[in-house]
């Protein structure tokens, strides 16, 4: 390999590395350009007078299109037309919550028909977490005994939304394509015929 070919190879490899870094950075950034604007979750006492607010505990079923069946275990406040209503997730930038199948949560959700609408603006936590345990204690203190309990088994779960797992394969594929183009360019340059080379000055 001539000195000029080696220099070209180094330039092309540096360019490929730069493009790979830019691609990784772009894939790691949130896609939404809007942020949720709301007050932080308030104590449960603030939701007592809200007629459409439900305070409950349950397990999220299989998630599809940001929706799932919610297996109600304890209903502290609220009226449900369906003992196992649907729960609507959403993008955090739009004040929604990300649903993860099989997760047991305690929350305040707003009831619309037979659908629950939790929000990052209202109390929402995994039961197993310290925040969830504190929220459970607050619910028992505020509302006393549970008002209802579901008995049906939960739906099979799929482990939640897996779209973020596609980022790494995309980065690897992009880098592979760029590196392949770099080596193809090196091969073409190194195989130039002598008569194609520029005359000496």
C-alpha atoms as a PDB file:
ATOM      1  CA  UNK A   1       0.000   0.000   0.000  1.00  0.00           C
ATOM      2  CA  UNK A   2       1.476   3.391  -1.005  1.00  0.00           C
ATOM      3  CA  UNK A   3       1.786   6.339   1.372  1.00  0.00           C
ATOM      4  CA  UNK A   4      -1.080   8.173  -0.357  1.00  0.00           C
ATOM      5  CA  UNK A   5      -3.313   5.106  -0.043  1.00  0.00           C
ATOM      6  CA  UNK A   6      -2.476   4.788   3.651  1.00  0.00           C
ATOM      7  CA  UNK A   7      -3.331   8.450   4.223  1.00  0.00           C
ATOM      8  CA  UNK A   8      -6.639   8.010   2.419  1.00  0.00           C
ATOM      9  CA  UNK A   9      -7.423   4.923   4.502  1.00  0.00           C
ATOM     10  CA  UNK A  10      -6.780   6.830   7.718  1.00  0.00           C
ATOM     11  CA  UNK A  11      -9.030   9.692   6.601  1.00  0.00           C
ATOM     12  CA  UNK A  12     -11.833   7.337   5.598  1.00  0.00           C
ATOM     13  CA  UNK A  13     -11.607   5.376   8.849  1.00  0.00           C
ATOM     14  CA  UNK A  14     -11.692   8.591  10.889  1.00  0.00           C
ATOM     15  CA  UNK A  15     -14.762   9.712   8.929  1.00  0.00           C
ATOM     16  CA  UNK A  16     -16.475   6.372   9.523  1.00  0.00           C
ATOM     17  CA  UNK A  17     -15.762   6.603  13.256  1.00  0.00           C
ATOM     18  CA  UNK A  18     -17.192  10.129  13.395  1.00  0.00           C
ATOM     19  CA  UNK A  19     -20.380   9.076  11.607  1.00  0.00           C
ATOM     20  CA  UNK A  20     -20.756   6.101  13.961  1.00  0.00           C
ATOM     21  CA  UNK A  21     -20.498   8.383  17.006  1.00  0.00           C
ATOM     22  CA  UNK A  22     -23.073  10.777  15.554  1.00  0.00           C
ATOM     23  CA  UNK A  23     -25.440   7.889  14.804  1.00  0.00           C
ATOM     24  CA  UNK A  24     -25.100   6.502  18.340  1.00  0.00           C
ATOM     25  CA  UNK A  25     -25.748   9.930  19.838  1.00  0.00           C
ATOM     26  CA  UNK A  26     -28.835  10.449  17.672  1.00  0.00           C
ATOM     27  CA  UNK A  27     -30.289   7.063  18.586  1.00  0.00           C
ATOM     28  CA  UNK A  28     -29.735   7.641  22.278  1.00  0.00           C
ATOM     29  CA  UNK A  29     -31.591  10.970  22.390  1.00  0.00           C
ATOM     30  CA  UNK A  30     -35.328  11.150  23.149  1.00  0.00           C
ATOM     31  CA  UNK A  31     -37.400  11.524  20.000  1.00  0.00           C
ATOM     32  CA  UNK A  32     -39.986  13.843  21.485  1.00  0.00           C
ATOM     33  CA  UNK A  33     -39.283  17.587  21.425  1.00  0.00           C
ATOM     34  CA  UNK A  34     -42.077  18.466  23.836  1.00  0.00           C
ATOM     35  CA  UNK A  35     -41.971  18.227  27.603  1.00  0.00           C
ATOM     36  CA  UNK A  36     -44.780  17.492  29.995  1.00  0.00           C
ATOM     37  CA  UNK A  37     -45.890  20.533  31.944  1.00  0.00           C
ATOM     38  CA  UNK A  38     -47.766  19.735  35.157  1.00  0.00           C
ATOM     39  CA  UNK A  39     -47.500  20.030  38.915  1.00  0.00           C
ATOM     40  CA  UNK A  40     -45.789  17.172  40.786  1.00  0.00           C
ATOM     41  CA  UNK A  41     -47.994  14.427  42.261  1.00  0.00           C
ATOM     42  CA  UNK A  42     -49.911  15.624  45.315  1.00  0.00           C
ATOM     43  CA  UNK A  43     -50.808  13.743  48.518  1.00  0.00           C
ATOM     44  CA  UNK A  44     -53.724  11.330  48.166  1.00  0.00           C
ATOM     45  CA  UNK A  45     -55.944  13.611  50.237  1.00  0.00           C
ATOM     46  CA  UNK A  46     -55.955  16.071  47.326  1.00  0.00           C
ATOM     47  CA  UNK A  47     -57.669  13.504  45.063  1.00  0.00           C
ATOM     48  CA  UNK A  48     -60.538  12.611  47.412  1.00  0.00           C
ATOM     49  CA  UNK A  49     -62.918  15.194  45.955  1.00  0.00           C
ATOM     50  CA  UNK A  50     -62.133  14.387  42.335  1.00  0.00           C
ATOM     51  CA  UNK A  51     -65.020  12.195  41.130  1.00  0.00           C
ATOM     52  CA  UNK A  52     -63.145  10.545  38.255  1.00  0.00           C
ATOM     53  CA  UNK A  53     -59.981   9.781  40.227  1.00  0.00           C
ATOM     54  CA  UNK A  54     -59.403   6.176  41.314  1.00  0.00           C
ATOM     55  CA  UNK A  55     -56.850   5.000  43.855  1.00  0.00           C
ATOM     56  CA  UNK A  56     -55.992   1.359  43.295  1.00  0.00           C
ATOM     57  CA  UNK A  57     -53.431  -1.425  43.236  1.00  0.00           C
ATOM     58  CA  UNK A  58     -53.042  -4.027  40.522  1.00  0.00           C
ATOM     59  CA  UNK A  59     -50.911  -5.728  37.883  1.00  0.00           C
ATOM     60  CA  UNK A  60     -50.391  -4.580  34.311  1.00  0.00           C
ATOM     61  CA  UNK A  61     -51.143  -7.274  31.739  1.00  0.00           C
ATOM     62  CA  UNK A  62     -49.711  -7.758  28.264  1.00  0.00           C
ATOM     63  CA  UNK A  63     -48.895  -4.411  26.679  1.00  0.00           C
ATOM     64  CA  UNK A  64     -49.881  -3.670  23.072  1.00  0.00           C
ATOM     65  CA  UNK A  65     -50.038  -0.207  21.487  1.00  0.00           C
ATOM     66  CA  UNK A  66     -49.455   1.379  24.900  1.00  0.00           C
ATOM     67  CA  UNK A  67     -52.526  -0.338  26.351  1.00  0.00           C
ATOM     68  CA  UNK A  68     -53.079  -3.326  28.611  1.00  0.00           C
ATOM     69  CA  UNK A  69     -55.651  -5.012  30.824  1.00  0.00           C
ATOM     70  CA  UNK A  70     -55.220  -3.960  34.439  1.00  0.00           C
ATOM     71  CA  UNK A  71     -55.863  -6.691  37.005  1.00  0.00           C
ATOM     72  CA  UNK A  72     -57.287  -4.814  39.977  1.00  0.00           C
ATOM     73  CA  UNK A  73     -56.267  -6.202  43.360  1.00  0.00           C
ATOM     74  CA  UNK A  74     -57.334  -3.370  45.667  1.00  0.00           C
ATOM     75  CA  UNK A  75     -59.664  -0.478  44.964  1.00  0.00           C
ATOM     76  CA  UNK A  76     -59.386   2.223  47.612  1.00  0.00           C
ATOM     77  CA  UNK A  77     -61.333   4.933  45.813  1.00  0.00           C
ATOM     78  CA  UNK A  78     -63.305   5.197  42.588  1.00  0.00           C
ATOM     79  CA  UNK A  79     -65.968   3.376  40.617  1.00  0.00           C
ATOM     80  CA  UNK A  80     -65.054   0.949  37.853  1.00  0.00           C
ATOM     81  CA  UNK A  81     -67.533  -0.322  35.276  1.00  0.00           C
ATOM     82  CA  UNK A  82     -65.175  -3.225  34.555  1.00  0.00           C
ATOM     83  CA  UNK A  83     -63.458  -5.142  37.386  1.00  0.00           C
ATOM     84  CA  UNK A  84     -60.404  -5.516  35.129  1.00  0.00           C
ATOM     85  CA  UNK A  85     -60.381  -2.306  33.084  1.00  0.00           C
ATOM     86  CA  UNK A  86     -57.952  -1.299  30.400  1.00  0.00           C
ATOM     87  CA  UNK A  87     -55.058   0.964  31.265  1.00  0.00           C
ATOM     88  CA  UNK A  88     -53.698   3.545  28.838  1.00  0.00           C
ATOM     89  CA  UNK A  89     -49.991   4.321  28.763  1.00  0.00           C
ATOM     90  CA  UNK A  90     -48.228   7.062  26.922  1.00  0.00           C
ATOM     91  CA  UNK A  91     -45.115   9.105  26.320  1.00  0.00           C
ATOM     92  CA  UNK A  92     -43.676  10.870  29.333  1.00  0.00           C
ATOM     93  CA  UNK A  93     -43.330  14.010  27.228  1.00  0.00           C
ATOM     94  CA  UNK A  94     -47.144  13.985  26.975  1.00  0.00           C
ATOM     95  CA  UNK A  95     -47.464  13.314  30.730  1.00  0.00           C
ATOM     96  CA  UNK A  96     -48.207   9.610  30.181  1.00  0.00           C
ATOM     97  CA  UNK A  97     -46.554   6.648  31.888  1.00  0.00           C
ATOM     98  CA  UNK A  98     -44.663   3.810  30.224  1.00  0.00           C
ATOM     99  CA  UNK A  99     -46.479   0.526  30.830  1.00  0.00           C
ATOM    100  CA  UNK A 100     -44.390  -2.558  31.583  1.00  0.00           C
ATOM    101  CA  UNK A 101     -46.229  -5.865  31.452  1.00  0.00           C
ATOM    102  CA  UNK A 102     -46.258  -7.854  34.673  1.00  0.00           C
ATOM    103  CA  UNK A 103     -45.517  -4.844  36.879  1.00  0.00           C
ATOM    104  CA  UNK A 104     -47.538  -4.476  40.069  1.00  0.00           C
ATOM    105  CA  UNK A 105     -48.321  -0.812  40.726  1.00  0.00           C
ATOM    106  CA  UNK A 106     -50.187   1.446  43.113  1.00  0.00           C
ATOM    107  CA  UNK A 107     -51.535   4.606  41.561  1.00  0.00           C
ATOM    108  CA  UNK A 108     -54.047   7.356  41.126  1.00  0.00           C
ATOM    109  CA  UNK A 109     -55.646   7.060  37.674  1.00  0.00           C
ATOM    110  CA  UNK A 110     -58.499   8.925  36.060  1.00  0.00           C
ATOM    111  CA  UNK A 111     -61.402   6.783  34.883  1.00  0.00           C
ATOM    112  CA  UNK A 112     -62.868   7.351  31.432  1.00  0.00           C
ATOM    113  CA  UNK A 113     -65.475   4.685  30.647  1.00  0.00           C
ATOM    114  CA  UNK A 114     -63.696   1.378  31.200  1.00  0.00           C
ATOM    115  CA  UNK A 115     -60.186   2.804  30.755  1.00  0.00           C
ATOM    116  CA  UNK A 116     -57.727   3.995  33.386  1.00  0.00           C
ATOM    117  CA  UNK A 117     -55.493   6.949  32.572  1.00  0.00           C
ATOM    118  CA  UNK A 118     -52.480   7.208  34.895  1.00  0.00           C
ATOM    119  CA  UNK A 119     -50.117  10.151  34.580  1.00  0.00           C
ATOM    120  CA  UNK A 120     -46.695  11.230  35.743  1.00  0.00           C
ATOM    121  CA  UNK A 121     -48.554  14.197  37.232  1.00  0.00           C
ATOM    122  CA  UNK A 122     -50.379  11.951  39.737  1.00  0.00           C
ATOM    123  CA  UNK A 123     -49.100   9.290  42.189  1.00  0.00           C
ATOM    124  CA  UNK A 124     -47.813   6.179  40.386  1.00  0.00           C
ATOM    125  CA  UNK A 125     -45.208   3.702  41.658  1.00  0.00           C
ATOM    126  CA  UNK A 126     -44.255   0.039  41.630  1.00  0.00           C
ATOM    127  CA  UNK A 127     -45.542  -1.658  44.754  1.00  0.00           C
ATOM    128  CA  UNK A 128     -42.129  -3.189  45.464  1.00  0.00           C
ATOM    129  CA  UNK A 129     -40.389   0.193  45.478  1.00  0.00           C
ATOM    130  CA  UNK A 130     -39.973   2.405  48.560  1.00  0.00           C
ATOM    131  CA  UNK A 131     -42.211   5.019  46.924  1.00  0.00           C
ATOM    132  CA  UNK A 132     -44.854   2.357  46.291  1.00  0.00           C
ATOM    133  CA  UNK A 133     -44.746   1.132  49.886  1.00  0.00           C
ATOM    134  CA  UNK A 134     -45.127   4.682  51.159  1.00  0.00           C
ATOM    135  CA  UNK A 135     -48.058   5.245  48.803  1.00  0.00           C
ATOM    136  CA  UNK A 136     -49.709   2.023  50.023  1.00  0.00           C
ATOM    137  CA  UNK A 137     -49.404   3.115  53.650  1.00  0.00           C
ATOM    138  CA  UNK A 138     -50.883   6.480  52.754  1.00  0.00           C
ATOM    139  CA  UNK A 139     -53.812   4.802  50.971  1.00  0.00           C
ATOM    140  CA  UNK A 140     -54.593   2.536  53.946  1.00  0.00           C
ATOM    141  CA  UNK A 141     -54.393   5.474  56.323  1.00  0.00           C
ATOM    142  CA  UNK A 142     -56.615   7.613  54.120  1.00  0.00           C
ATOM    143  CA  UNK A 143     -59.229   5.113  52.923  1.00  0.00           C
ATOM    144  CA  UNK A 144     -59.029   2.188  55.330  1.00  0.00           C
ATOM    145  CA  UNK A 145     -59.958  -1.294  54.156  1.00  0.00           C
ATOM    146  CA  UNK A 146     -59.980  -2.193  50.460  1.00  0.00           C
ATOM    147  CA  UNK A 147     -63.257  -1.872  48.596  1.00  0.00           C
ATOM    148  CA  UNK A 148     -62.792  -4.649  46.085  1.00  0.00           C
ATOM    149  CA  UNK A 149     -60.447  -7.302  44.820  1.00  0.00           C
ATOM    150  CA  UNK A 150     -60.136  -9.027  41.472  1.00  0.00           C
ATOM    151  CA  UNK A 151     -59.926 -12.818  41.409  1.00  0.00           C
ATOM    152  CA  UNK A 152     -59.179 -13.557  37.746  1.00  0.00           C
ATOM    153  CA  UNK A 153     -55.575 -14.450  36.869  1.00  0.00           C
ATOM    154  CA  UNK A 154     -53.605 -11.842  34.944  1.00  0.00           C
ATOM    155  CA  UNK A 155     -52.926 -12.121  31.237  1.00  0.00           C
ATOM    156  CA  UNK A 156     -49.551 -13.437  30.061  1.00  0.00           C
ATOM    157  CA  UNK A 157     -47.065 -10.634  29.844  1.00  0.00           C
ATOM    158  CA  UNK A 158     -44.528  -9.831  27.184  1.00  0.00           C
ATOM    159  CA  UNK A 159     -42.017  -7.941  29.302  1.00  0.00           C
ATOM    160  CA  UNK A 160     -43.214  -4.503  28.171  1.00  0.00           C
ATOM    161  CA  UNK A 161     -42.188  -2.213  25.366  1.00  0.00           C
ATOM    162  CA  UNK A 162     -38.979  -3.448  23.707  1.00  0.00           C
ATOM    163  CA  UNK A 163     -38.541  -0.767  21.052  1.00  0.00           C
ATOM    164  CA  UNK A 164     -35.500   0.707  22.776  1.00  0.00           C
ATOM    165  CA  UNK A 165     -33.673  -2.624  22.224  1.00  0.00           C
ATOM    166  CA  UNK A 166     -33.455  -1.915  18.495  1.00  0.00           C
ATOM    167  CA  UNK A 167     -31.004   0.981  18.948  1.00  0.00           C
ATOM    168  CA  UNK A 168     -27.866  -1.145  19.340  1.00  0.00           C
ATOM    169  CA  UNK A 169     -28.480  -3.342  16.232  1.00  0.00           C
ATOM    170  CA  UNK A 170     -29.060  -0.188  14.179  1.00  0.00           C
ATOM    171  CA  UNK A 171     -25.769   1.300  15.342  1.00  0.00           C
ATOM    172  CA  UNK A 172     -23.864  -1.932  14.622  1.00  0.00           C
ATOM    173  CA  UNK A 173     -25.414  -2.225  11.164  1.00  0.00           C
ATOM    174  CA  UNK A 174     -24.599   1.380  10.319  1.00  0.00           C
ATOM    175  CA  UNK A 175     -20.971   0.999  11.396  1.00  0.00           C
ATOM    176  CA  UNK A 176     -20.644  -2.236   9.389  1.00  0.00           C
ATOM    177  CA  UNK A 177     -21.894  -0.530   6.214  1.00  0.00           C
ATOM    178  CA  UNK A 178     -19.565   2.453   6.634  1.00  0.00           C
ATOM    179  CA  UNK A 179     -16.530   0.261   7.335  1.00  0.00           C
ATOM    180  CA  UNK A 180     -17.375  -1.861   4.293  1.00  0.00           C
ATOM    181  CA  UNK A 181     -17.456   1.245   2.098  1.00  0.00           C
ATOM    182  CA  UNK A 182     -14.125   2.403   3.531  1.00  0.00           C
ATOM    183  CA  UNK A 183     -12.366  -0.849   2.667  1.00  0.00           C
ATOM    184  CA  UNK A 184     -13.965  -0.914  -0.768  1.00  0.00           C
ATOM    185  CA  UNK A 185     -12.511   2.540  -1.394  1.00  0.00           C
ATOM    186  CA  UNK A 186      -9.100   1.400  -0.192  1.00  0.00           C
ATOM    187  CA  UNK A 187      -9.150  -1.589  -2.559  1.00  0.00           C
ATOM    188  CA  UNK A 188     -10.132   0.575  -5.538  1.00  0.00           C
ATOM    189  CA  UNK A 189      -7.399   3.126  -4.857  1.00  0.00           C
ATOM    190  CA  UNK A 190      -4.690   0.501  -4.242  1.00  0.00           C
ATOM    191  CA  UNK A 191      -5.503  -1.281  -7.536  1.00  0.00           C
ATOM    192  CA  UNK A 192      -5.149   1.769  -9.745  1.00  0.00           C
ATOM    193  CA  UNK A 193      -3.027   1.030 -12.769  1.00  0.00           C
ATOM    194  CA  UNK A 194       0.298   2.882 -13.064  1.00  0.00           C
ATOM    195  CA  UNK A 195      -0.866   4.696 -16.185  1.00  0.00           C
ATOM    196  CA  UNK A 196      -3.839   6.067 -14.233  1.00  0.00           C
ATOM    197  CA  UNK A 197      -1.587   7.703 -11.690  1.00  0.00           C
ATOM    198  CA  UNK A 198      -0.873  11.431 -12.143  1.00  0.00           C
ATOM    199  CA  UNK A 199       2.454  12.237 -13.842  1.00  0.00           C
ATOM    200  CA  UNK A 200       5.291  13.331 -11.547  1.00  0.00           C
ATOM    201  CA  UNK A 201       5.791  17.076 -11.238  1.00  0.00           C
END
